[in-house]
Amino acid sequence: MVLPVLGSAVVVLVACLAWGEAVHFGASAASRRHRAGLSCRGRDVAIVVLGFSNRASQPNLVNRWRARIAVRTARLLVRRGARSVRIIWRGGPVMGPVPEAQHLAAALRHAGWHGQTVLEGHSRSTWENIANVRPLLRWDELVALCSNDLHVVKARLYFARQDPDVVERLIGSANYRAGEMVLAKPLFAAVGLHKLRALRPHRH
């Protein structure tokens, strides 16, 4: 009796992990198609890293993940010919005394980033992230958003509502990597899809 139950649990777990991976892959592919023809060669790029709630005094697993995404995105853009790259760290003290942006700053340094950076440590939601980053962006910069891909889709929708001009300057990031954070992807997929359904207008 135990073995069939255990086998069923394994099948459910594998299916859940595969679903989370597939949802993130699909969101990543959609983001790449969004501005597939926009080249960063010879352009300045601002990489905006969206923060994640952090109770502890050190960067948590998700903020370390997003820092790795930002650093590999920066290196990818440099290889593709970007003239300059700077990383903007986002996020206020949502669930702890230390702003999320400070946690991201520490995680970015640990991930090997020593380039140009900007810190914004007041935003307490993704909507505020976008509102507060807009004054920090130069008019001629391309913009790359770093987080999990469903979160990036939400941030892009917020940019479309707050400043459609920035949407035309968004380029792809190296957010998705197969198998990375595989245990967390189903949760982020479920939460992300739920929030996106709430944001998008219903069709009748």
N, C-alpha and C. Protein backbone atom coordinates (compact mmCIF):
# COMPACT_ATOMS: atom_id res chain seq x y z
N MET A 1 0.82 -1.21 0.00
CA MET A 1 0.00 0.00 0.00
C MET A 1 0.86 1.27 0.00
N VAL A 2 1.98 1.16 0.75
CA VAL A 2 2.84 2.34 0.87
C VAL A 2 3.48 2.69 -0.47
N LEU A 3 3.95 1.68 -1.19
CA LEU A 3 4.64 1.95 -2.45
C LEU A 3 3.75 2.62 -3.49
N PRO A 4 2.50 2.15 -3.71
CA PRO A 4 1.64 2.86 -4.67
C PRO A 4 1.37 4.31 -4.28
N VAL A 5 1.17 4.55 -2.97
CA VAL A 5 0.94 5.93 -2.52
C VAL A 5 2.17 6.78 -2.76
N LEU A 6 3.34 6.21 -2.42
CA LEU A 6 4.59 6.94 -2.63
C LEU A 6 4.81 7.21 -4.11
N GLY A 7 4.52 6.20 -4.95
CA GLY A 7 4.67 6.39 -6.38
C GLY A 7 3.76 7.47 -6.92
N SER A 8 2.52 7.50 -6.44
CA SER A 8 1.58 8.55 -6.86
C SER A 8 2.06 9.92 -6.44
N ALA A 9 2.62 10.01 -5.22
CA ALA A 9 3.13 11.30 -4.74
C ALA A 9 4.28 11.79 -5.59
N VAL A 10 5.15 10.86 -5.99
CA VAL A 10 6.28 11.23 -6.84
C VAL A 10 5.79 11.73 -8.19
N VAL A 11 4.79 11.05 -8.76
CA VAL A 11 4.24 11.47 -10.05
C VAL A 11 3.65 12.87 -9.95
N VAL A 12 2.90 13.13 -8.88
CA VAL A 12 2.30 14.45 -8.68
C VAL A 12 3.38 15.52 -8.53
N LEU A 13 4.41 15.21 -7.75
CA LEU A 13 5.50 16.16 -7.54
C LEU A 13 6.21 16.48 -8.86
N VAL A 14 6.52 15.45 -9.62
CA VAL A 14 7.21 15.66 -10.91
C VAL A 14 6.34 16.48 -11.86
N ALA A 15 5.03 16.19 -11.88
CA ALA A 15 4.12 16.94 -12.74
C ALA A 15 4.05 18.40 -12.32
N CYS A 16 4.03 18.64 -11.01
CA CYS A 16 3.99 20.01 -10.49
C CYS A 16 5.25 20.78 -10.88
N LEU A 17 6.40 20.14 -10.71
CA LEU A 17 7.67 20.79 -11.05
C LEU A 17 7.76 21.06 -12.55
N ALA A 18 7.29 20.10 -13.35
CA ALA A 18 7.31 20.27 -14.81
C ALA A 18 6.39 21.41 -15.23
N TRP A 19 5.23 21.50 -14.57
CA TRP A 19 4.29 22.59 -14.88
C TRP A 19 4.93 23.94 -14.56
N GLY A 20 5.54 24.06 -13.39
CA GLY A 20 6.18 25.33 -13.02
C GLY A 20 7.27 25.72 -14.00
N GLU A 21 8.05 24.72 -14.41
CA GLU A 21 9.13 24.99 -15.38
C GLU A 21 8.53 25.44 -16.72
N ALA A 22 7.46 24.77 -17.16
CA ALA A 22 6.85 25.10 -18.45
C ALA A 22 6.24 26.49 -18.44
N VAL A 23 5.60 26.88 -17.35
CA VAL A 23 4.99 28.21 -17.26
C VAL A 23 6.06 29.29 -17.35
N HIS A 24 7.16 29.09 -16.65
CA HIS A 24 8.24 30.09 -16.70
C HIS A 24 8.90 30.13 -18.07
N PHE A 25 9.07 28.97 -18.68
CA PHE A 25 9.64 28.94 -20.03
C PHE A 25 8.74 29.70 -21.00
N GLY A 26 7.43 29.49 -20.91
CA GLY A 26 6.50 30.19 -21.80
C GLY A 26 6.53 31.69 -21.59
N ALA A 27 6.57 32.12 -20.32
CA ALA A 27 6.64 33.56 -20.04
C ALA A 27 7.94 34.15 -20.56
N SER A 28 9.03 33.40 -20.44
CA SER A 28 10.32 33.86 -20.94
C SER A 28 10.29 34.01 -22.46
N ALA A 29 9.70 33.03 -23.14
CA ALA A 29 9.62 33.09 -24.60
C ALA A 29 8.79 34.28 -25.05
N ALA A 30 7.69 34.56 -24.33
CA ALA A 30 6.84 35.70 -24.66
C ALA A 30 7.60 37.02 -24.46
N SER A 31 8.41 37.08 -23.40
CA SER A 31 9.19 38.30 -23.16
C SER A 31 10.23 38.51 -24.25
N ARG A 32 10.85 37.42 -24.71
CA ARG A 32 11.85 37.56 -25.77
C ARG A 32 11.20 38.03 -27.07
N ARG A 33 9.99 37.56 -27.34
CA ARG A 33 9.29 37.99 -28.55
C ARG A 33 8.85 39.44 -28.47
N HIS A 34 8.68 39.94 -27.23
CA HIS A 34 8.14 41.29 -27.04
C HIS A 34 8.94 42.35 -27.79
N ARG A 35 10.28 42.31 -27.66
CA ARG A 35 11.12 43.28 -28.37
C ARG A 35 12.28 42.55 -29.04
N ALA A 36 11.96 41.51 -29.79
CA ALA A 36 13.01 40.66 -30.36
C ALA A 36 13.94 41.43 -31.29
N GLY A 37 13.45 42.46 -31.95
CA GLY A 37 14.27 43.17 -32.92
C GLY A 37 15.04 44.34 -32.36
N LEU A 38 14.96 44.58 -31.05
CA LEU A 38 15.62 45.73 -30.45
C LEU A 38 17.04 45.35 -30.03
N SER A 39 18.03 46.01 -30.63
CA SER A 39 19.43 45.70 -30.36
C SER A 39 19.99 46.64 -29.30
N CYS A 40 20.86 46.09 -28.45
CA CYS A 40 21.51 46.91 -27.42
C CYS A 40 22.87 47.43 -27.89
N ARG A 41 23.30 47.06 -29.08
CA ARG A 41 24.62 47.44 -29.56
C ARG A 41 24.78 48.96 -29.61
N GLY A 42 25.81 49.45 -28.91
CA GLY A 42 26.08 50.88 -28.88
C GLY A 42 25.13 51.68 -28.01
N ARG A 43 24.29 51.01 -27.22
CA ARG A 43 23.29 51.70 -26.40
C ARG A 43 23.63 51.57 -24.91
N ASP A 44 23.13 52.51 -24.12
CA ASP A 44 23.22 52.42 -22.67
C ASP A 44 22.01 51.62 -22.17
N VAL A 45 22.23 50.79 -21.15
CA VAL A 45 21.16 49.95 -20.64
C VAL A 45 21.08 50.07 -19.12
N ALA A 46 19.86 50.24 -18.62
CA ALA A 46 19.59 50.20 -17.18
C ALA A 46 18.93 48.86 -16.86
N ILE A 47 19.53 48.11 -15.96
CA ILE A 47 18.96 46.84 -15.51
C ILE A 47 18.23 47.09 -14.19
N VAL A 48 16.93 46.89 -14.20
CA VAL A 48 16.12 47.14 -13.01
C VAL A 48 15.85 45.80 -12.33
N VAL A 49 16.33 45.66 -11.10
CA VAL A 49 16.14 44.42 -10.34
C VAL A 49 15.01 44.64 -9.34
N LEU A 50 13.94 43.86 -9.48
CA LEU A 50 12.78 43.98 -8.60
C LEU A 50 13.02 43.19 -7.32
N GLY A 51 12.81 43.85 -6.16
CA GLY A 51 13.09 43.22 -4.88
C GLY A 51 12.04 42.21 -4.46
N PHE A 52 12.40 41.41 -3.46
CA PHE A 52 11.50 40.39 -2.90
C PHE A 52 11.54 40.52 -1.38
N SER A 53 10.39 40.30 -0.74
CA SER A 53 10.30 40.43 0.73
C SER A 53 11.41 39.64 1.41
N ASN A 54 12.05 40.28 2.39
CA ASN A 54 13.23 39.70 3.04
C ASN A 54 13.18 39.97 4.53
N ARG A 55 12.81 38.96 5.33
CA ARG A 55 12.71 39.14 6.78
C ARG A 55 14.07 39.15 7.46
N ALA A 56 14.98 38.34 6.98
CA ALA A 56 16.25 38.13 7.66
C ALA A 56 17.20 39.31 7.46
N SER A 57 18.31 39.26 8.18
CA SER A 57 19.30 40.33 8.08
C SER A 57 20.23 40.13 6.90
N GLN A 58 20.14 38.98 6.23
CA GLN A 58 20.95 38.68 5.06
C GLN A 58 20.04 38.42 3.85
N PRO A 59 20.56 38.59 2.64
CA PRO A 59 19.73 38.33 1.44
C PRO A 59 19.19 36.90 1.44
N ASN A 60 17.89 36.76 1.19
CA ASN A 60 17.31 35.42 1.15
C ASN A 60 17.55 34.75 -0.20
N LEU A 61 17.04 33.54 -0.33
CA LEU A 61 17.30 32.73 -1.52
C LEU A 61 16.80 33.42 -2.79
N VAL A 62 15.61 34.04 -2.72
CA VAL A 62 15.02 34.65 -3.91
C VAL A 62 15.80 35.90 -4.32
N ASN A 63 16.19 36.73 -3.36
CA ASN A 63 16.97 37.92 -3.72
C ASN A 63 18.35 37.54 -4.25
N ARG A 64 18.93 36.45 -3.75
CA ARG A 64 20.21 35.99 -4.31
C ARG A 64 19.99 35.51 -5.74
N TRP A 65 18.88 34.86 -5.99
CA TRP A 65 18.53 34.41 -7.35
C TRP A 65 18.42 35.61 -8.29
N ARG A 66 17.68 36.63 -7.86
CA ARG A 66 17.50 37.80 -8.72
C ARG A 66 18.81 38.54 -8.96
N ALA A 67 19.69 38.53 -7.96
CA ALA A 67 21.01 39.14 -8.16
C ALA A 67 21.79 38.38 -9.23
N ARG A 68 21.74 37.06 -9.20
CA ARG A 68 22.43 36.27 -10.24
C ARG A 68 21.86 36.58 -11.62
N ILE A 69 20.53 36.72 -11.69
CA ILE A 69 19.90 37.07 -12.97
C ILE A 69 20.43 38.40 -13.48
N ALA A 70 20.51 39.38 -12.59
CA ALA A 70 20.97 40.71 -12.99
C ALA A 70 22.40 40.69 -13.50
N VAL A 71 23.27 39.97 -12.80
CA VAL A 71 24.68 39.93 -13.19
C VAL A 71 24.85 39.22 -14.52
N ARG A 72 24.17 38.09 -14.71
CA ARG A 72 24.34 37.41 -16.00
C ARG A 72 23.67 38.18 -17.13
N THR A 73 22.62 38.95 -16.83
CA THR A 73 22.02 39.82 -17.84
C THR A 73 23.00 40.91 -18.23
N ALA A 74 23.65 41.52 -17.24
CA ALA A 74 24.64 42.57 -17.53
C ALA A 74 25.77 42.04 -18.40
N ARG A 75 26.27 40.87 -18.06
CA ARG A 75 27.36 40.29 -18.84
C ARG A 75 26.91 39.94 -20.26
N LEU A 76 25.68 39.45 -20.39
CA LEU A 76 25.14 39.13 -21.71
C LEU A 76 25.03 40.38 -22.57
N LEU A 77 24.53 41.46 -21.98
CA LEU A 77 24.36 42.71 -22.73
C LEU A 77 25.70 43.29 -23.16
N VAL A 78 26.70 43.18 -22.29
CA VAL A 78 28.04 43.65 -22.65
C VAL A 78 28.57 42.84 -23.84
N ARG A 79 28.39 41.52 -23.79
CA ARG A 79 28.84 40.69 -24.91
C ARG A 79 28.12 41.05 -26.21
N ARG A 80 26.89 41.52 -26.09
CA ARG A 80 26.12 41.88 -27.28
C ARG A 80 26.39 43.30 -27.73
N GLY A 81 27.30 44.00 -27.07
CA GLY A 81 27.73 45.29 -27.56
C GLY A 81 27.15 46.51 -26.88
N ALA A 82 26.52 46.34 -25.72
CA ALA A 82 26.00 47.51 -25.00
C ALA A 82 27.14 48.46 -24.66
N ARG A 83 26.89 49.75 -24.80
CA ARG A 83 27.94 50.74 -24.53
C ARG A 83 28.21 50.85 -23.04
N SER A 84 27.16 50.86 -22.24
CA SER A 84 27.32 50.88 -20.78
C SER A 84 26.12 50.17 -20.15
N VAL A 85 26.35 49.61 -18.97
CA VAL A 85 25.30 48.90 -18.24
C VAL A 85 25.35 49.34 -16.79
N ARG A 86 24.22 49.70 -16.25
CA ARG A 86 24.13 49.99 -14.82
C ARG A 86 22.96 49.21 -14.24
N ILE A 87 23.09 48.82 -12.98
CA ILE A 87 22.05 48.05 -12.30
C ILE A 87 21.37 48.92 -11.26
N ILE A 88 20.05 48.98 -11.33
CA ILE A 88 19.26 49.74 -10.35
C ILE A 88 18.61 48.74 -9.41
N TRP A 89 18.93 48.82 -8.14
CA TRP A 89 18.37 47.91 -7.14
C TRP A 89 17.11 48.52 -6.57
N ARG A 90 16.07 47.72 -6.45
CA ARG A 90 14.76 48.23 -6.06
C ARG A 90 14.26 47.55 -4.80
N GLY A 91 13.47 48.27 -3.99
CA GLY A 91 12.74 47.64 -2.90
C GLY A 91 13.00 48.25 -1.54
N GLY A 92 11.91 48.55 -0.82
CA GLY A 92 11.99 49.10 0.52
C GLY A 92 11.91 48.03 1.60
N PRO A 93 11.81 48.44 2.88
CA PRO A 93 11.74 47.50 4.00
C PRO A 93 10.33 46.96 4.18
N VAL A 94 9.93 46.00 3.38
CA VAL A 94 8.55 45.51 3.39
C VAL A 94 8.28 44.59 4.57
N MET A 95 9.14 43.60 4.81
CA MET A 95 8.90 42.61 5.86
C MET A 95 10.02 42.58 6.91
N GLY A 96 10.85 43.56 6.89
CA GLY A 96 11.96 43.63 7.84
C GLY A 96 12.52 45.03 7.89
N PRO A 97 13.47 45.30 8.81
CA PRO A 97 14.00 46.66 8.96
C PRO A 97 14.95 47.08 7.85
N VAL A 98 15.48 46.13 7.10
CA VAL A 98 16.46 46.44 6.05
C VAL A 98 15.76 46.51 4.70
N PRO A 99 15.93 47.60 3.94
CA PRO A 99 15.32 47.68 2.61
C PRO A 99 15.76 46.52 1.72
N GLU A 100 14.82 46.03 0.91
CA GLU A 100 15.13 44.94 -0.02
C GLU A 100 16.29 45.30 -0.92
N ALA A 101 16.36 46.57 -1.30
CA ALA A 101 17.44 47.01 -2.20
C ALA A 101 18.82 46.80 -1.58
N GLN A 102 18.93 46.97 -0.26
CA GLN A 102 20.21 46.73 0.40
C GLN A 102 20.57 45.25 0.38
N HIS A 103 19.56 44.39 0.55
CA HIS A 103 19.81 42.97 0.44
C HIS A 103 20.29 42.62 -0.96
N LEU A 104 19.63 43.22 -1.97
CA LEU A 104 20.02 42.96 -3.35
C LEU A 104 21.44 43.46 -3.61
N ALA A 105 21.78 44.61 -3.02
CA ALA A 105 23.13 45.16 -3.20
C ALA A 105 24.18 44.17 -2.69
N ALA A 106 23.93 43.62 -1.50
CA ALA A 106 24.87 42.64 -0.95
C ALA A 106 24.93 41.39 -1.83
N ALA A 107 23.76 40.94 -2.31
CA ALA A 107 23.72 39.75 -3.16
C ALA A 107 24.44 39.99 -4.49
N LEU A 108 24.30 41.18 -5.04
CA LEU A 108 24.97 41.50 -6.30
C LEU A 108 26.48 41.51 -6.14
N ARG A 109 26.94 42.07 -5.04
CA ARG A 109 28.39 42.06 -4.80
C ARG A 109 28.89 40.62 -4.67
N HIS A 110 28.12 39.80 -3.97
CA HIS A 110 28.51 38.39 -3.80
C HIS A 110 28.52 37.66 -5.15
N ALA A 111 27.60 38.09 -6.05
CA ALA A 111 27.51 37.47 -7.38
C ALA A 111 28.58 37.99 -8.33
N GLY A 112 29.38 38.95 -7.89
CA GLY A 112 30.51 39.40 -8.69
C GLY A 112 30.31 40.70 -9.43
N TRP A 113 29.28 41.48 -9.09
CA TRP A 113 29.04 42.73 -9.79
C TRP A 113 29.78 43.88 -9.10
N HIS A 114 30.61 44.57 -9.85
CA HIS A 114 31.36 45.72 -9.33
C HIS A 114 31.20 46.93 -10.24
N GLY A 115 30.19 46.91 -11.09
CA GLY A 115 29.96 48.02 -12.01
C GLY A 115 29.07 49.10 -11.43
N GLN A 116 28.55 49.93 -12.31
CA GLN A 116 27.74 51.08 -11.90
C GLN A 116 26.42 50.61 -11.31
N THR A 117 26.03 51.22 -10.19
CA THR A 117 24.80 50.83 -9.51
C THR A 117 24.05 52.06 -9.01
N VAL A 118 22.74 51.88 -8.84
CA VAL A 118 21.87 52.91 -8.26
C VAL A 118 20.97 52.21 -7.26
N LEU A 119 20.80 52.79 -6.09
CA LEU A 119 19.99 52.18 -5.03
C LEU A 119 18.72 52.99 -4.79
N GLU A 120 17.57 52.30 -4.81
CA GLU A 120 16.29 52.92 -4.46
C GLU A 120 15.64 52.03 -3.41
N GLY A 121 15.55 52.52 -2.17
CA GLY A 121 15.12 51.67 -1.08
C GLY A 121 13.83 52.09 -0.40
N HIS A 122 12.87 52.61 -1.18
CA HIS A 122 11.63 53.07 -0.57
C HIS A 122 10.39 52.32 -1.07
N SER A 123 10.45 51.71 -2.22
CA SER A 123 9.27 51.08 -2.81
C SER A 123 8.83 49.88 -1.98
N ARG A 124 7.50 49.73 -1.83
CA ARG A 124 6.95 48.65 -1.02
C ARG A 124 6.05 47.72 -1.83
N SER A 125 6.02 47.89 -3.14
CA SER A 125 5.23 47.02 -4.01
C SER A 125 5.81 47.13 -5.42
N THR A 126 5.39 46.22 -6.30
CA THR A 126 5.86 46.30 -7.68
C THR A 126 5.39 47.58 -8.35
N TRP A 127 4.16 48.00 -8.06
CA TRP A 127 3.64 49.25 -8.63
C TRP A 127 4.53 50.43 -8.22
N GLU A 128 4.92 50.47 -6.94
CA GLU A 128 5.80 51.54 -6.48
C GLU A 128 7.20 51.38 -7.05
N ASN A 129 7.65 50.13 -7.23
CA ASN A 129 8.94 49.91 -7.90
C ASN A 129 8.99 50.65 -9.22
N ILE A 130 7.94 50.46 -10.03
CA ILE A 130 7.91 51.06 -11.36
C ILE A 130 7.78 52.58 -11.27
N ALA A 131 6.91 53.06 -10.39
CA ALA A 131 6.71 54.51 -10.24
C ALA A 131 8.01 55.20 -9.81
N ASN A 132 8.75 54.58 -8.89
CA ASN A 132 9.95 55.21 -8.35
C ASN A 132 11.17 55.04 -9.23
N VAL A 133 11.16 54.03 -10.10
CA VAL A 133 12.32 53.86 -10.98
C VAL A 133 12.25 54.79 -12.18
N ARG A 134 11.07 55.20 -12.56
CA ARG A 134 10.93 56.02 -13.77
C ARG A 134 11.79 57.28 -13.74
N PRO A 135 11.83 58.05 -12.63
CA PRO A 135 12.69 59.24 -12.63
C PRO A 135 14.19 58.93 -12.70
N LEU A 136 14.55 57.67 -12.41
CA LEU A 136 15.96 57.29 -12.44
C LEU A 136 16.43 56.86 -13.82
N LEU A 137 15.49 56.66 -14.74
CA LEU A 137 15.84 56.20 -16.08
C LEU A 137 16.12 57.38 -16.99
N ARG A 138 17.19 57.28 -17.76
CA ARG A 138 17.48 58.32 -18.74
C ARG A 138 16.65 58.07 -19.99
N TRP A 139 16.33 59.12 -20.69
CA TRP A 139 15.39 59.03 -21.81
C TRP A 139 15.91 58.15 -22.95
N ASP A 140 17.24 58.06 -23.06
CA ASP A 140 17.82 57.32 -24.19
C ASP A 140 18.28 55.92 -23.79
N GLU A 141 18.02 55.49 -22.57
CA GLU A 141 18.45 54.17 -22.11
C GLU A 141 17.46 53.07 -22.51
N LEU A 142 17.99 51.93 -22.85
CA LEU A 142 17.18 50.73 -22.90
C LEU A 142 17.02 50.20 -21.48
N VAL A 143 15.99 49.41 -21.25
CA VAL A 143 15.69 48.95 -19.89
C VAL A 143 15.49 47.44 -19.91
N ALA A 144 16.16 46.75 -18.99
CA ALA A 144 15.98 45.31 -18.81
C ALA A 144 15.45 45.05 -17.40
N LEU A 145 14.39 44.25 -17.29
CA LEU A 145 13.77 43.94 -16.00
C LEU A 145 14.21 42.57 -15.54
N CYS A 146 14.66 42.46 -14.28
CA CYS A 146 15.16 41.20 -13.76
C CYS A 146 14.33 40.72 -12.57
N SER A 147 13.78 39.53 -12.73
CA SER A 147 13.03 38.83 -11.69
C SER A 147 12.63 37.49 -12.31
N ASN A 148 11.67 36.77 -11.69
CA ASN A 148 11.13 35.64 -12.44
C ASN A 148 10.26 36.18 -13.56
N ASP A 149 10.08 35.40 -14.62
CA ASP A 149 9.50 35.94 -15.85
C ASP A 149 8.04 36.39 -15.70
N LEU A 150 7.26 35.76 -14.84
CA LEU A 150 5.88 36.19 -14.62
C LEU A 150 5.85 37.54 -13.90
N HIS A 151 6.78 37.74 -12.98
CA HIS A 151 6.89 39.04 -12.31
C HIS A 151 7.27 40.12 -13.31
N VAL A 152 8.13 39.78 -14.24
CA VAL A 152 8.54 40.74 -15.28
C VAL A 152 7.35 41.11 -16.17
N VAL A 153 6.50 40.12 -16.49
CA VAL A 153 5.30 40.43 -17.28
C VAL A 153 4.43 41.44 -16.54
N LYS A 154 4.26 41.24 -15.22
CA LYS A 154 3.46 42.18 -14.43
C LYS A 154 4.10 43.57 -14.42
N ALA A 155 5.42 43.62 -14.25
CA ALA A 155 6.11 44.91 -14.25
C ALA A 155 5.96 45.61 -15.60
N ARG A 156 5.99 44.84 -16.69
CA ARG A 156 5.81 45.43 -18.02
C ARG A 156 4.41 46.02 -18.16
N LEU A 157 3.40 45.33 -17.63
CA LEU A 157 2.04 45.87 -17.65
C LEU A 157 1.95 47.16 -16.84
N TYR A 158 2.65 47.21 -15.72
CA TYR A 158 2.65 48.43 -14.91
C TYR A 158 3.33 49.58 -15.65
N PHE A 159 4.42 49.29 -16.35
CA PHE A 159 5.06 50.32 -17.16
C PHE A 159 4.10 50.82 -18.24
N ALA A 160 3.35 49.90 -18.85
CA ALA A 160 2.40 50.30 -19.90
C ALA A 160 1.34 51.24 -19.35
N ARG A 161 0.98 51.08 -18.10
CA ARG A 161 -0.04 51.95 -17.50
C ARG A 161 0.53 53.26 -17.00
N GLN A 162 1.79 53.22 -16.53
CA GLN A 162 2.38 54.43 -15.96
C GLN A 162 3.18 55.25 -16.97
N ASP A 163 3.86 54.59 -17.88
CA ASP A 163 4.73 55.30 -18.83
C ASP A 163 4.94 54.43 -20.06
N PRO A 164 4.00 54.45 -21.01
CA PRO A 164 4.09 53.58 -22.19
C PRO A 164 5.38 53.77 -22.99
N ASP A 165 5.99 54.95 -22.90
CA ASP A 165 7.23 55.18 -23.64
C ASP A 165 8.33 54.21 -23.23
N VAL A 166 8.37 53.87 -21.94
CA VAL A 166 9.41 52.96 -21.45
C VAL A 166 9.21 51.57 -22.04
N VAL A 167 7.97 51.16 -22.25
CA VAL A 167 7.69 49.84 -22.80
C VAL A 167 8.39 49.65 -24.13
N GLU A 168 8.48 50.72 -24.91
CA GLU A 168 9.14 50.65 -26.22
C GLU A 168 10.65 50.49 -26.10
N ARG A 169 11.19 50.68 -24.89
CA ARG A 169 12.63 50.56 -24.67
C ARG A 169 13.01 49.33 -23.85
N LEU A 170 12.04 48.47 -23.55
CA LEU A 170 12.31 47.27 -22.78
C LEU A 170 12.97 46.21 -23.66
N ILE A 171 14.02 45.60 -23.15
CA ILE A 171 14.70 44.51 -23.86
C ILE A 171 14.72 43.27 -22.97
N GLY A 172 15.04 42.15 -23.56
CA GLY A 172 15.02 40.90 -22.83
C GLY A 172 16.13 40.79 -21.79
N SER A 173 15.86 40.01 -20.75
CA SER A 173 16.84 39.72 -19.71
C SER A 173 17.10 38.22 -19.66
N ALA A 174 18.16 37.85 -18.98
CA ALA A 174 18.50 36.43 -18.83
C ALA A 174 17.81 35.86 -17.59
N ASN A 175 16.49 36.04 -17.52
CA ASN A 175 15.75 35.62 -16.34
C ASN A 175 15.61 34.10 -16.24
N TYR A 176 15.34 33.48 -17.36
CA TYR A 176 15.04 32.04 -17.33
C TYR A 176 16.28 31.20 -17.54
N ARG A 177 16.42 30.20 -16.71
CA ARG A 177 17.45 29.18 -16.89
C ARG A 177 16.83 27.85 -16.48
N ALA A 178 16.83 26.89 -17.36
CA ALA A 178 16.18 25.61 -17.12
C ALA A 178 16.72 24.95 -15.85
N GLY A 179 15.80 24.53 -14.97
CA GLY A 179 16.18 23.82 -13.76
C GLY A 179 16.58 24.71 -12.60
N GLU A 180 16.77 25.99 -12.83
CA GLU A 180 17.16 26.90 -11.76
C GLU A 180 15.96 27.19 -10.86
N MET A 181 16.13 27.09 -9.55
CA MET A 181 15.06 27.32 -8.58
C MET A 181 13.81 26.49 -8.91
N VAL A 182 14.05 25.26 -9.34
CA VAL A 182 12.94 24.43 -9.84
C VAL A 182 11.89 24.17 -8.77
N LEU A 183 12.29 24.07 -7.51
CA LEU A 183 11.32 23.81 -6.44
C LEU A 183 10.42 25.01 -6.17
N ALA A 184 10.92 26.20 -6.44
CA ALA A 184 10.14 27.41 -6.19
C ALA A 184 9.28 27.82 -7.38
N LYS A 185 9.60 27.33 -8.57
CA LYS A 185 8.90 27.79 -9.76
C LYS A 185 7.40 27.49 -9.76
N PRO A 186 6.93 26.33 -9.27
CA PRO A 186 5.48 26.13 -9.24
C PRO A 186 4.75 27.18 -8.40
N LEU A 187 5.31 27.55 -7.26
CA LEU A 187 4.68 28.57 -6.42
C LEU A 187 4.67 29.91 -7.12
N PHE A 188 5.80 30.31 -7.70
CA PHE A 188 5.84 31.59 -8.41
C PHE A 188 4.92 31.57 -9.63
N ALA A 189 4.79 30.41 -10.27
CA ALA A 189 3.89 30.31 -11.42
C ALA A 189 2.44 30.49 -10.98
N ALA A 190 2.05 29.82 -9.90
CA ALA A 190 0.66 29.92 -9.43
C ALA A 190 0.33 31.34 -8.99
N VAL A 191 1.21 31.94 -8.20
CA VAL A 191 0.99 33.31 -7.73
C VAL A 191 1.01 34.29 -8.89
N GLY A 192 1.98 34.13 -9.79
CA GLY A 192 2.11 35.05 -10.91
C GLY A 192 0.92 35.00 -11.84
N LEU A 193 0.44 33.81 -12.17
CA LEU A 193 -0.72 33.69 -13.06
C LEU A 193 -1.97 34.28 -12.41
N HIS A 194 -2.13 34.05 -11.11
CA HIS A 194 -3.28 34.61 -10.40
C HIS A 194 -3.26 36.14 -10.45
N LYS A 195 -2.11 36.73 -10.21
CA LYS A 195 -2.01 38.20 -10.22
C LYS A 195 -2.20 38.76 -11.63
N LEU A 196 -1.69 38.07 -12.63
CA LEU A 196 -1.85 38.55 -14.00
C LEU A 196 -3.31 38.49 -14.44
N ARG A 197 -4.03 37.44 -14.03
CA ARG A 197 -5.46 37.37 -14.35
C ARG A 197 -6.22 38.53 -13.73
N ALA A 198 -5.83 38.92 -12.53
CA ALA A 198 -6.48 40.03 -11.86
C ALA A 198 -6.18 41.37 -12.53
N LEU A 199 -5.00 41.47 -13.15
CA LEU A 199 -4.60 42.73 -13.77
C LEU A 199 -5.20 42.95 -15.15
N ARG A 200 -5.34 41.87 -15.90
CA ARG A 200 -5.78 42.02 -17.28
C ARG A 200 -7.29 42.15 -17.34
N PRO A 201 -7.80 43.01 -18.24
CA PRO A 201 -9.25 43.20 -18.36
C PRO A 201 -9.94 41.93 -18.82
N HIS A 202 -11.13 41.68 -18.28
CA HIS A 202 -11.89 40.50 -18.69
C HIS A 202 -12.50 40.72 -20.07
N ARG A 203 -12.51 39.66 -20.86
CA ARG A 203 -13.13 39.73 -22.19
C ARG A 203 -14.52 39.09 -22.14
N HIS A 204 -15.47 39.77 -22.73
CA HIS A 204 -16.85 39.26 -22.72
C HIS A 204 -17.22 38.73 -24.11
